Amino acid sequence: MAKIIYVEWNGTRHEVEVANGMTVMEGARDNNIPGIDADCGGACACSTCHAYIDPEWVEKLPAKDAMEEDMLDFAYETDEVRSRLTCQVKVTDDLDGLIVQLPEKQI
C-alpha cells in the first residue's frame, strides 16, 4: 500500500492509500479524485488519465513504453519529462508519497 498525493489544477490536495498492484489511475478513480476521467478504463487507449509527475519522482518511475508515448500525443498540454498516463503507473511500496499533479483539463 502506498500513499499517493493527487493535486488538482486549483491546488486542492487529496492523499489516499492505494493498494499495490493497482494503477495510479485506479487509485484516483476509486477515490473519486476529480481531474482523471479514465474514459478507456485503463487500456491505454485514450489520454484522459494524463497527469504530471512531481519532478522529484520522475526518475523513480519505470520508463514510458511506446504505446504510452503515442497516446500522450493526444493529451492536453503535455510536458515531455513529467507527463504520464496514470493507467500505466503501477503502485508499489516504492511509490509511497508519490505526488501527481493534474492538468487543467483532459481531452
PDB file of N, CA and C in Angstrom:
ATOM      1  N   MET A   1       0.861  -1.177   0.000  1.00  0.00           N
ATOM      2  CA  MET A   1       0.000   0.000   0.000  1.00  0.00           C
ATOM      3  C   MET A   1       0.902   1.234   0.000  1.00  0.00           C
ATOM      4  N   ALA A   2       0.507   2.209  -0.799  1.00  0.00           N
ATOM      5  CA  ALA A   2       1.281   3.449  -0.894  1.00  0.00           C
ATOM      6  C   ALA A   2       0.338   4.637  -0.793  1.00  0.00           C
ATOM      7  N   LYS A   3       0.816   5.684  -0.148  1.00  0.00           N
ATOM      8  CA  LYS A   3       0.071   6.934  -0.116  1.00  0.00           C
ATOM      9  C   LYS A   3       0.411   7.689  -1.390  1.00  0.00           C
ATOM     10  N   ILE A   4      -0.629   8.019  -2.164  1.00  0.00           N
ATOM     11  CA  ILE A   4      -0.455   8.800  -3.381  1.00  0.00           C
ATOM     12  C   ILE A   4      -1.125  10.149  -3.137  1.00  0.00           C
ATOM     13  N   ILE A   5      -0.436  11.205  -3.512  1.00  0.00           N
ATOM     14  CA  ILE A   5      -0.961  12.560  -3.335  1.00  0.00           C
ATOM     15  C   ILE A   5      -1.325  13.104  -4.712  1.00  0.00           C
ATOM     16  N   TYR A   6      -2.609  13.343  -4.900  1.00  0.00           N
ATOM     17  CA  TYR A   6      -3.129  13.909  -6.138  1.00  0.00           C
ATOM     18  C   TYR A   6      -3.392  15.386  -5.887  1.00  0.00           C
ATOM     19  N   VAL A   7      -2.882  16.240  -6.759  1.00  0.00           N
ATOM     20  CA  VAL A   7      -3.062  17.684  -6.609  1.00  0.00           C
ATOM     21  C   VAL A   7      -3.847  18.185  -7.818  1.00  0.00           C
ATOM     22  N   GLU A   8      -5.056  18.675  -7.538  1.00  0.00           N
ATOM     23  CA  GLU A   8      -5.893  19.212  -8.601  1.00  0.00           C
ATOM     24  C   GLU A   8      -5.271  20.480  -9.168  1.00  0.00           C
ATOM     25  N   TRP A   9      -5.740  20.886 -10.349  1.00  0.00           N
ATOM     26  CA  TRP A   9      -5.264  22.092 -11.018  1.00  0.00           C
ATOM     27  C   TRP A   9      -5.378  23.316 -10.108  1.00  0.00           C
ATOM     28  N   ASN A  10      -6.432  23.352  -9.279  1.00  0.00           N
ATOM     29  CA  ASN A  10      -6.656  24.505  -8.399  1.00  0.00           C
ATOM     30  C   ASN A  10      -5.868  24.431  -7.092  1.00  0.00           C
ATOM     31  N   GLY A  11      -5.059  23.384  -6.930  1.00  0.00           N
ATOM     32  CA  GLY A  11      -4.226  23.237  -5.743  1.00  0.00           C
ATOM     33  C   GLY A  11      -4.791  22.346  -4.657  1.00  0.00           C
ATOM     34  N   THR A  12      -6.027  21.898  -4.803  1.00  0.00           N
ATOM     35  CA  THR A  12      -6.629  21.003  -3.808  1.00  0.00           C
ATOM     36  C   THR A  12      -5.881  19.681  -3.797  1.00  0.00           C
ATOM     37  N   ARG A  13      -5.475  19.261  -2.589  1.00  0.00           N
ATOM     38  CA  ARG A  13      -4.711  18.015  -2.428  1.00  0.00           C
ATOM     39  C   ARG A  13      -5.608  16.902  -1.913  1.00  0.00           C
ATOM     40  N   HIS A  14      -5.363  15.715  -2.440  1.00  0.00           N
ATOM     41  CA  HIS A  14      -6.053  14.508  -1.986  1.00  0.00           C
ATOM     42  C   HIS A  14      -4.976  13.471  -1.684  1.00  0.00           C
ATOM     43  N   GLU A  15      -4.892  13.024  -0.446  1.00  0.00           N
ATOM     44  CA  GLU A  15      -3.941  11.980  -0.071  1.00  0.00           C
ATOM     45  C   GLU A  15      -4.729  10.707   0.175  1.00  0.00           C
ATOM     46  N   VAL A  16      -4.443   9.676  -0.624  1.00  0.00           N
ATOM     47  CA  VAL A  16      -5.174   8.427  -0.494  1.00  0.00           C
ATOM     48  C   VAL A  16      -4.212   7.244  -0.474  1.00  0.00           C
ATOM     49  N   GLU A  17      -4.646   6.185   0.171  1.00  0.00           N
ATOM     50  CA  GLU A  17      -3.899   4.931   0.176  1.00  0.00           C
ATOM     51  C   GLU A  17      -4.352   4.114  -1.022  1.00  0.00           C
ATOM     52  N   VAL A  18      -3.386   3.625  -1.790  1.00  0.00           N
ATOM     53  CA  VAL A  18      -3.685   2.830  -2.976  1.00  0.00           C
ATOM     54  C   VAL A  18      -2.955   1.493  -2.834  1.00  0.00           C
ATOM     55  N   ALA A  19      -3.678   0.423  -3.048  1.00  0.00           N
ATOM     56  CA  ALA A  19      -3.117  -0.914  -2.890  1.00  0.00           C
ATOM     57  C   ALA A  19      -2.069  -1.209  -3.962  1.00  0.00           C
ATOM     58  N   ASN A  20      -1.057  -1.961  -3.566  1.00  0.00           N
ATOM     59  CA  ASN A  20      -0.045  -2.410  -4.516  1.00  0.00           C
ATOM     60  C   ASN A  20      -0.714  -3.212  -5.626  1.00  0.00           C
ATOM     61  N   GLY A  21      -0.219  -3.030  -6.837  1.00  0.00           N
ATOM     62  CA  GLY A  21      -0.743  -3.733  -7.992  1.00  0.00           C
ATOM     63  C   GLY A  21      -1.796  -2.947  -8.742  1.00  0.00           C
ATOM     64  N   MET A  22      -2.425  -1.994  -8.071  1.00  0.00           N
ATOM     65  CA  MET A  22      -3.363  -1.120  -8.763  1.00  0.00           C
ATOM     66  C   MET A  22      -2.558  -0.073  -9.521  1.00  0.00           C
ATOM     67  N   THR A  23      -3.223   0.707 -10.360  1.00  0.00           N
ATOM     68  CA  THR A  23      -2.538   1.800 -11.037  1.00  0.00           C
ATOM     69  C   THR A  23      -2.869   3.111 -10.336  1.00  0.00           C
ATOM     70  N   VAL A  24      -2.075   4.117 -10.619  1.00  0.00           N
ATOM     71  CA  VAL A  24      -2.331   5.452 -10.070  1.00  0.00           C
ATOM     72  C   VAL A  24      -3.690   5.948 -10.562  1.00  0.00           C
ATOM     73  N   MET A  25      -4.072   5.603 -11.790  1.00  0.00           N
ATOM     74  CA  MET A  25      -5.391   5.966 -12.309  1.00  0.00           C
ATOM     75  C   MET A  25      -6.487   5.295 -11.507  1.00  0.00           C
ATOM     76  N   GLU A  26      -6.350   4.019 -11.218  1.00  0.00           N
ATOM     77  CA  GLU A  26      -7.375   3.307 -10.449  1.00  0.00           C
ATOM     78  C   GLU A  26      -7.519   3.894  -9.051  1.00  0.00           C
ATOM     79  N   GLY A  27      -6.406   4.313  -8.460  1.00  0.00           N
ATOM     80  CA  GLY A  27      -6.461   4.956  -7.158  1.00  0.00           C
ATOM     81  C   GLY A  27      -7.271   6.238  -7.198  1.00  0.00           C
ATOM     82  N   ALA A  28      -7.110   7.012  -8.261  1.00  0.00           N
ATOM     83  CA  ALA A  28      -7.886   8.246  -8.412  1.00  0.00           C
ATOM     84  C   ALA A  28      -9.356   7.930  -8.656  1.00  0.00           C
ATOM     85  N   ARG A  29      -9.600   7.012  -9.557  1.00  0.00           N
ATOM     86  CA  ARG A  29     -10.986   6.647  -9.893  1.00  0.00           C
ATOM     87  C   ARG A  29     -11.735   6.102  -8.673  1.00  0.00           C
ATOM     88  N   ASP A  30     -11.102   5.191  -7.963  1.00  0.00           N
ATOM     89  CA  ASP A  30     -11.763   4.541  -6.833  1.00  0.00           C
ATOM     90  C   ASP A  30     -11.962   5.470  -5.642  1.00  0.00           C
ATOM     91  N   ASN A  31     -11.239   6.585  -5.626  1.00  0.00           N
ATOM     92  CA  ASN A  31     -11.368   7.552  -4.537  1.00  0.00           C
ATOM     93  C   ASN A  31     -12.021   8.853  -4.985  1.00  0.00           C
ATOM     94  N   ASN A  32     -12.647   8.802  -6.168  1.00  0.00           N
ATOM     95  CA  ASN A  32     -13.393   9.953  -6.690  1.00  0.00           C
ATOM     96  C   ASN A  32     -12.574  11.236  -6.763  1.00  0.00           C
ATOM     97  N   ILE A  33     -11.324  11.111  -7.193  1.00  0.00           N
ATOM     98  CA  ILE A  33     -10.463  12.271  -7.356  1.00  0.00           C
ATOM     99  C   ILE A  33     -10.855  12.974  -8.662  1.00  0.00           C
ATOM    100  N   PRO A  34     -11.277  14.237  -8.596  1.00  0.00           N
ATOM    101  CA  PRO A  34     -11.624  14.930  -9.839  1.00  0.00           C
ATOM    102  C   PRO A  34     -10.375  15.236 -10.655  1.00  0.00           C
ATOM    103  N   GLY A  35     -10.518  15.164 -11.981  1.00  0.00           N
ATOM    104  CA  GLY A  35      -9.411  15.532 -12.854  1.00  0.00           C
ATOM    105  C   GLY A  35      -8.816  14.374 -13.623  1.00  0.00           C
ATOM    106  N   ILE A  36      -9.173  13.147 -13.249  1.00  0.00           N
ATOM    107  CA  ILE A  36      -8.753  11.975 -14.019  1.00  0.00           C
ATOM    108  C   ILE A  36     -10.028  11.300 -14.487  1.00  0.00           C
ATOM    109  N   ASP A  37     -10.294  11.373 -15.804  1.00  0.00           N
ATOM    110  CA  ASP A  37     -11.534  10.839 -16.351  1.00  0.00           C
ATOM    111  C   ASP A  37     -11.475   9.331 -16.606  1.00  0.00           C
ATOM    112  N   ALA A  38     -10.338   8.859 -17.093  1.00  0.00           N
ATOM    113  CA  ALA A  38     -10.127   7.428 -17.348  1.00  0.00           C
ATOM    114  C   ALA A  38     -11.203   6.840 -18.258  1.00  0.00           C
ATOM    115  N   ASP A  39     -11.459   7.485 -19.369  1.00  0.00           N
ATOM    116  CA  ASP A  39     -12.527   7.060 -20.279  1.00  0.00           C
ATOM    117  C   ASP A  39     -12.359   5.634 -20.800  1.00  0.00           C
ATOM    118  N   CYS A  40     -11.135   5.192 -21.023  1.00  0.00           N
ATOM    119  CA  CYS A  40     -10.935   3.849 -21.580  1.00  0.00           C
ATOM    120  C   CYS A  40     -10.792   2.788 -20.495  1.00  0.00           C
ATOM    121  N   GLY A  41     -10.857   3.190 -19.239  1.00  0.00           N
ATOM    122  CA  GLY A  41     -10.798   2.225 -18.151  1.00  0.00           C
ATOM    123  C   GLY A  41      -9.416   1.667 -17.867  1.00  0.00           C
ATOM    124  N   GLY A  42      -8.409   2.236 -18.452  1.00  0.00           N
ATOM    125  CA  GLY A  42      -7.049   1.792 -18.168  1.00  0.00           C
ATOM    126  C   GLY A  42      -6.409   0.977 -19.264  1.00  0.00           C
ATOM    127  N   ALA A  43      -6.986   0.992 -20.451  1.00  0.00           N
ATOM    128  CA  ALA A  43      -6.473   0.194 -21.570  1.00  0.00           C
ATOM    129  C   ALA A  43      -5.397   0.911 -22.376  1.00  0.00           C
ATOM    130  N   CYS A  44      -4.981   2.085 -21.958  1.00  0.00           N
ATOM    131  CA  CYS A  44      -4.013   2.897 -22.695  1.00  0.00           C
ATOM    132  C   CYS A  44      -4.505   3.164 -24.113  1.00  0.00           C
ATOM    133  N   ALA A  45      -5.821   3.469 -24.189  1.00  0.00           N
ATOM    134  CA  ALA A  45      -6.439   3.729 -25.479  1.00  0.00           C
ATOM    135  C   ALA A  45      -6.984   5.151 -25.572  1.00  0.00           C
ATOM    136  N   CYS A  46      -6.662   5.975 -24.585  1.00  0.00           N
ATOM    137  CA  CYS A  46      -7.047   7.384 -24.605  1.00  0.00           C
ATOM    138  C   CYS A  46      -5.990   8.148 -23.809  1.00  0.00           C
ATOM    139  N   SER A  47      -6.237   9.386 -23.564  1.00  0.00           N
ATOM    140  CA  SER A  47      -5.259  10.153 -22.784  1.00  0.00           C
ATOM    141  C   SER A  47      -5.919  10.863 -21.599  1.00  0.00           C
ATOM    142  N   THR A  48      -7.087  10.378 -21.185  1.00  0.00           N
ATOM    143  CA  THR A  48      -7.860  11.097 -20.174  1.00  0.00           C
ATOM    144  C   THR A  48      -7.463  10.771 -18.735  1.00  0.00           C
ATOM    145  N   CYS A  49      -6.334  10.114 -18.575  1.00  0.00           N
ATOM    146  CA  CYS A  49      -5.767   9.921 -17.232  1.00  0.00           C
ATOM    147  C   CYS A  49      -4.394  10.583 -17.141  1.00  0.00           C
ATOM    148  N   HIS A  50      -4.157  11.516 -18.055  1.00  0.00           N
ATOM    149  CA  HIS A  50      -2.891  12.244 -18.100  1.00  0.00           C
ATOM    150  C   HIS A  50      -2.668  13.025 -16.805  1.00  0.00           C
ATOM    151  N   ALA A  51      -1.439  13.018 -16.327  1.00  0.00           N
ATOM    152  CA  ALA A  51      -1.059  13.808 -15.151  1.00  0.00           C
ATOM    153  C   ALA A  51       0.424  14.130 -15.253  1.00  0.00           C
ATOM    154  N   TYR A  52       0.834  15.095 -14.445  1.00  0.00           N
ATOM    155  CA  TYR A  52       2.242  15.484 -14.363  1.00  0.00           C
ATOM    156  C   TYR A  52       2.827  14.892 -13.088  1.00  0.00           C
ATOM    157  N   ILE A  53       3.916  14.182 -13.226  1.00  0.00           N
ATOM    158  CA  ILE A  53       4.597  13.598 -12.083  1.00  0.00           C
ATOM    159  C   ILE A  53       5.486  14.663 -11.456  1.00  0.00           C
ATOM    160  N   ASP A  54       5.449  14.754 -10.129  1.00  0.00           N
ATOM    161  CA  ASP A  54       6.308  15.700  -9.429  1.00  0.00           C
ATOM    162  C   ASP A  54       7.762  15.455  -9.850  1.00  0.00           C
ATOM    163  N   PRO A  55       8.527  16.521 -10.091  1.00  0.00           N
ATOM    164  CA  PRO A  55       9.900  16.351 -10.589  1.00  0.00           C
ATOM    165  C   PRO A  55      10.768  15.410  -9.745  1.00  0.00           C
ATOM    166  N   GLU A  56      10.557  15.377  -8.446  1.00  0.00           N
ATOM    167  CA  GLU A  56      11.367  14.502  -7.589  1.00  0.00           C
ATOM    168  C   GLU A  56      11.078  13.023  -7.816  1.00  0.00           C
ATOM    169  N   TRP A  57       9.963  12.720  -8.472  1.00  0.00           N
ATOM    170  CA  TRP A  57       9.554  11.340  -8.675  1.00  0.00           C
ATOM    171  C   TRP A  57       9.773  10.832 -10.097  1.00  0.00           C
ATOM    172  N   VAL A  58      10.029  11.697 -11.031  1.00  0.00           N
ATOM    173  CA  VAL A  58      10.108  11.299 -12.446  1.00  0.00           C
ATOM    174  C   VAL A  58      11.080  10.146 -12.665  1.00  0.00           C
ATOM    175  N   GLU A  59      12.259  10.235 -12.125  1.00  0.00           N
ATOM    176  CA  GLU A  59      13.291   9.216 -12.346  1.00  0.00           C
ATOM    177  C   GLU A  59      13.037   7.930 -11.570  1.00  0.00           C
ATOM    178  N   LYS A  60      12.107   7.963 -10.624  1.00  0.00           N
ATOM    179  CA  LYS A  60      11.815   6.781  -9.801  1.00  0.00           C
ATOM    180  C   LYS A  60      10.780   5.868 -10.449  1.00  0.00           C
ATOM    181  N   LEU A  61      10.142   6.344 -11.511  1.00  0.00           N
ATOM    182  CA  LEU A  61       9.124   5.554 -12.197  1.00  0.00           C
ATOM    183  C   LEU A  61       9.737   4.785 -13.360  1.00  0.00           C
ATOM    184  N   PRO A  62       9.134   3.653 -13.702  1.00  0.00           N
ATOM    185  CA  PRO A  62       9.592   2.947 -14.907  1.00  0.00           C
ATOM    186  C   PRO A  62       9.410   3.842 -16.135  1.00  0.00           C
ATOM    187  N   ALA A  63      10.221   3.627 -17.130  1.00  0.00           N
ATOM    188  CA  ALA A  63      10.150   4.424 -18.359  1.00  0.00           C
ATOM    189  C   ALA A  63       8.832   4.200 -19.081  1.00  0.00           C
ATOM    190  N   LYS A  64       8.421   5.198 -19.850  1.00  0.00           N
ATOM    191  CA  LYS A  64       7.225   5.088 -20.693  1.00  0.00           C
ATOM    192  C   LYS A  64       7.513   4.093 -21.811  1.00  0.00           C
ATOM    193  N   ASP A  65       6.504   3.289 -22.147  1.00  0.00           N
ATOM    194  CA  ASP A  65       6.675   2.427 -23.316  1.00  0.00           C
ATOM    195  C   ASP A  65       6.148   3.161 -24.551  1.00  0.00           C
ATOM    196  N   ALA A  66       6.316   2.554 -25.714  1.00  0.00           N
ATOM    197  CA  ALA A  66       5.952   3.206 -26.974  1.00  0.00           C
ATOM    198  C   ALA A  66       4.462   3.536 -27.048  1.00  0.00           C
ATOM    199  N   MET A  67       3.600   2.654 -26.540  1.00  0.00           N
ATOM    200  CA  MET A  67       2.162   2.899 -26.597  1.00  0.00           C
ATOM    201  C   MET A  67       1.790   4.118 -25.757  1.00  0.00           C
ATOM    202  N   GLU A  68       2.366   4.224 -24.565  1.00  0.00           N
ATOM    203  CA  GLU A  68       2.086   5.391 -23.720  1.00  0.00           C
ATOM    204  C   GLU A  68       2.585   6.671 -24.388  1.00  0.00           C
ATOM    205  N   GLU A  69       3.766   6.622 -24.950  1.00  0.00           N
ATOM    206  CA  GLU A  69       4.313   7.786 -25.663  1.00  0.00           C
ATOM    207  C   GLU A  69       3.356   8.231 -26.763  1.00  0.00           C
ATOM    208  N   ASP A  70       2.835   7.264 -27.526  1.00  0.00           N
ATOM    209  CA  ASP A  70       1.913   7.589 -28.621  1.00  0.00           C
ATOM    210  C   ASP A  70       0.628   8.219 -28.100  1.00  0.00           C
ATOM    211  N   MET A  71       0.061   7.679 -27.030  1.00  0.00           N
ATOM    212  CA  MET A  71      -1.201   8.197 -26.503  1.00  0.00           C
ATOM    213  C   MET A  71      -1.019   9.572 -25.872  1.00  0.00           C
ATOM    214  N   LEU A  72       0.144   9.857 -25.340  1.00  0.00           N
ATOM    215  CA  LEU A  72       0.395  11.187 -24.764  1.00  0.00           C
ATOM    216  C   LEU A  72       0.326  12.291 -25.814  1.00  0.00           C
ATOM    217  N   ASP A  73       0.484  11.921 -27.091  1.00  0.00           N
ATOM    218  CA  ASP A  73       0.349  12.909 -28.167  1.00  0.00           C
ATOM    219  C   ASP A  73      -1.052  13.524 -28.188  1.00  0.00           C
ATOM    220  N   PHE A  74      -2.023  12.836 -27.610  1.00  0.00           N
ATOM    221  CA  PHE A  74      -3.411  13.299 -27.617  1.00  0.00           C
ATOM    222  C   PHE A  74      -3.804  14.014 -26.329  1.00  0.00           C
ATOM    223  N   ALA A  75      -2.903  14.087 -25.359  1.00  0.00           N
ATOM    224  CA  ALA A  75      -3.204  14.700 -24.061  1.00  0.00           C
ATOM    225  C   ALA A  75      -3.074  16.222 -24.132  1.00  0.00           C
ATOM    226  N   TYR A  76      -3.705  16.863 -23.158  1.00  0.00           N
ATOM    227  CA  TYR A  76      -3.710  18.330 -23.078  1.00  0.00           C
ATOM    228  C   TYR A  76      -2.410  18.838 -22.462  1.00  0.00           C
ATOM    229  N   GLU A  77      -1.736  19.733 -23.153  1.00  0.00           N
ATOM    230  CA  GLU A  77      -0.529  20.417 -22.680  1.00  0.00           C
ATOM    231  C   GLU A  77       0.450  19.500 -21.939  1.00  0.00           C
ATOM    232  N   THR A  78       1.011  18.578 -22.691  1.00  0.00           N
ATOM    233  CA  THR A  78       1.952  17.636 -22.088  1.00  0.00           C
ATOM    234  C   THR A  78       3.310  18.280 -21.818  1.00  0.00           C
ATOM    235  N   ASP A  79       4.010  17.660 -20.918  1.00  0.00           N
ATOM    236  CA  ASP A  79       5.388  18.018 -20.589  1.00  0.00           C
ATOM    237  C   ASP A  79       6.227  16.788 -20.944  1.00  0.00           C
ATOM    238  N   GLU A  80       7.202  16.958 -21.803  1.00  0.00           N
ATOM    239  CA  GLU A  80       7.985  15.821 -22.296  1.00  0.00           C
ATOM    240  C   GLU A  80       8.570  14.971 -21.177  1.00  0.00           C
ATOM    241  N   VAL A  81       8.946  15.593 -20.086  1.00  0.00           N
ATOM    242  CA  VAL A  81       9.577  14.873 -18.979  1.00  0.00           C
ATOM    243  C   VAL A  81       8.560  14.385 -17.950  1.00  0.00           C
ATOM    244  N   ARG A  82       7.626  15.229 -17.562  1.00  0.00           N
ATOM    245  CA  ARG A  82       6.756  14.954 -16.412  1.00  0.00           C
ATOM    246  C   ARG A  82       5.429  14.290 -16.746  1.00  0.00           C
ATOM    247  N   SER A  83       4.972  14.358 -17.985  1.00  0.00           N
ATOM    248  CA  SER A  83       3.664  13.806 -18.339  1.00  0.00           C
ATOM    249  C   SER A  83       3.692  12.285 -18.361  1.00  0.00           C
ATOM    250  N   ARG A  84       2.650  11.711 -17.738  1.00  0.00           N
ATOM    251  CA  ARG A  84       2.451  10.263 -17.768  1.00  0.00           C
ATOM    252  C   ARG A  84       0.968   9.975 -17.880  1.00  0.00           C
ATOM    253  N   LEU A  85       0.643   8.814 -18.410  1.00  0.00           N
ATOM    254  CA  LEU A  85      -0.707   8.298 -18.330  1.00  0.00           C
ATOM    255  C   LEU A  85      -0.754   7.471 -17.050  1.00  0.00           C
ATOM    256  N   THR A  86      -1.605   7.867 -16.132  1.00  0.00           N
ATOM    257  CA  THR A  86      -1.601   7.233 -14.814  1.00  0.00           C
ATOM    258  C   THR A  86      -2.089   5.788 -14.851  1.00  0.00           C
ATOM    259  N   CYS A  87      -2.730   5.387 -15.950  1.00  0.00           N
ATOM    260  CA  CYS A  87      -3.125   3.976 -16.077  1.00  0.00           C
ATOM    261  C   CYS A  87      -1.913   3.079 -16.319  1.00  0.00           C
ATOM    262  N   GLN A  88      -0.792   3.668 -16.635  1.00  0.00           N
ATOM    263  CA  GLN A  88       0.418   2.903 -16.936  1.00  0.00           C
ATOM    264  C   GLN A  88       1.414   2.885 -15.779  1.00  0.00           C
ATOM    265  N   VAL A  89       1.043   3.474 -14.654  1.00  0.00           N
ATOM    266  CA  VAL A  89       1.948   3.525 -13.493  1.00  0.00           C
ATOM    267  C   VAL A  89       1.377   2.624 -12.412  1.00  0.00           C
ATOM    268  N   LYS A  90       2.008   1.466 -12.213  1.00  0.00           N
ATOM    269  CA  LYS A  90       1.585   0.507 -11.188  1.00  0.00           C
ATOM    270  C   LYS A  90       2.091   0.942  -9.818  1.00  0.00           C
ATOM    271  N   VAL A  91       1.230   0.812  -8.834  1.00  0.00           N
ATOM    272  CA  VAL A  91       1.564   1.196  -7.472  1.00  0.00           C
ATOM    273  C   VAL A  91       2.352   0.077  -6.786  1.00  0.00           C
ATOM    274  N   THR A  92       3.434   0.472  -6.136  1.00  0.00           N
ATOM    275  CA  THR A  92       4.233  -0.417  -5.294  1.00  0.00           C
ATOM    276  C   THR A  92       4.582   0.354  -4.026  1.00  0.00           C
ATOM    277  N   ASP A  93       5.141  -0.338  -3.054  1.00  0.00           N
ATOM    278  CA  ASP A  93       5.580   0.339  -1.833  1.00  0.00           C
ATOM    279  C   ASP A  93       6.580   1.451  -2.144  1.00  0.00           C
ATOM    280  N   ASP A  94       7.349   1.284  -3.203  1.00  0.00           N
ATOM    281  CA  ASP A  94       8.353   2.283  -3.576  1.00  0.00           C
ATOM    282  C   ASP A  94       7.740   3.617  -3.986  1.00  0.00           C
ATOM    283  N   LEU A  95       6.439   3.634  -4.286  1.00  0.00           N
ATOM    284  CA  LEU A  95       5.782   4.873  -4.700  1.00  0.00           C
ATOM    285  C   LEU A  95       5.097   5.586  -3.538  1.00  0.00           C
ATOM    286  N   ASP A  96       5.343   5.136  -2.323  1.00  0.00           N
ATOM    287  CA  ASP A  96       4.743   5.789  -1.155  1.00  0.00           C
ATOM    288  C   ASP A  96       5.169   7.259  -1.108  1.00  0.00           C
ATOM    289  N   GLY A  97       4.185   8.156  -1.164  1.00  0.00           N
ATOM    290  CA  GLY A  97       4.459   9.591  -1.164  1.00  0.00           C
ATOM    291  C   GLY A  97       4.470  10.223  -2.541  1.00  0.00           C
ATOM    292  N   LEU A  98       4.212   9.436  -3.598  1.00  0.00           N
ATOM    293  CA  LEU A  98       4.189   9.956  -4.968  1.00  0.00           C
ATOM    294  C   LEU A  98       3.236  11.142  -5.068  1.00  0.00           C
ATOM    295  N   ILE A  99       3.689  12.196  -5.729  1.00  0.00           N
ATOM    296  CA  ILE A  99       2.865  13.386  -5.952  1.00  0.00           C
ATOM    297  C   ILE A  99       2.541  13.471  -7.439  1.00  0.00           C
ATOM    298  N   VAL A 100       1.233  13.524  -7.735  1.00  0.00           N
ATOM    299  CA  VAL A 100       0.730  13.572  -9.098  1.00  0.00           C
ATOM    300  C   VAL A 100      -0.064  14.862  -9.250  1.00  0.00           C
ATOM    301  N   GLN A 101       0.332  15.698 -10.183  1.00  0.00           N
ATOM    302  CA  GLN A 101      -0.356  16.974 -10.411  1.00  0.00           C
ATOM    303  C   GLN A 101      -1.245  16.827 -11.645  1.00  0.00           C
ATOM    304  N   LEU A 102      -2.508  17.184 -11.473  1.00  0.00           N
ATOM    305  CA  LEU A 102      -3.484  17.007 -12.538  1.00  0.00           C
ATOM    306  C   LEU A 102      -3.532  18.214 -13.462  1.00  0.00           C
ATOM    307  N   PRO A 103      -3.748  17.964 -14.746  1.00  0.00           N
ATOM    308  CA  PRO A 103      -3.789  19.078 -15.703  1.00  0.00           C
ATOM    309  C   PRO A 103      -5.082  19.897 -15.559  1.00  0.00           C
ATOM    310  N   GLU A 104      -5.095  21.034 -16.207  1.00  0.00           N
ATOM    311  CA  GLU A 104      -6.261  21.898 -16.173  1.00  0.00           C
ATOM    312  C   GLU A 104      -7.513  21.196 -16.678  1.00  0.00           C
ATOM    313  N   LYS A 105      -7.325  20.342 -17.708  1.00  0.00           N
ATOM    314  CA  LYS A 105      -8.441  19.575 -18.248  1.00  0.00           C
ATOM    315  C   LYS A 105      -7.908  18.339 -18.951  1.00  0.00           C
ATOM    316  N   GLN A 106      -8.812  17.422 -19.217  1.00  0.00           N
ATOM    317  CA  GLN A 106      -8.488  16.232 -20.016  1.00  0.00           C
ATOM    318  C   GLN A 106      -9.195  16.378 -21.353  1.00  0.00           C
ATOM    319  N   ILE A 107      -8.562  15.864 -22.405  1.00  0.00           N
ATOM    320  CA  ILE A 107      -9.206  15.912 -23.734  1.00  0.00           C
ATOM    321  C   ILE A 107      -9.179  14.536 -24.355  1.00  0.00           C
TER     322      ILE A 107
END
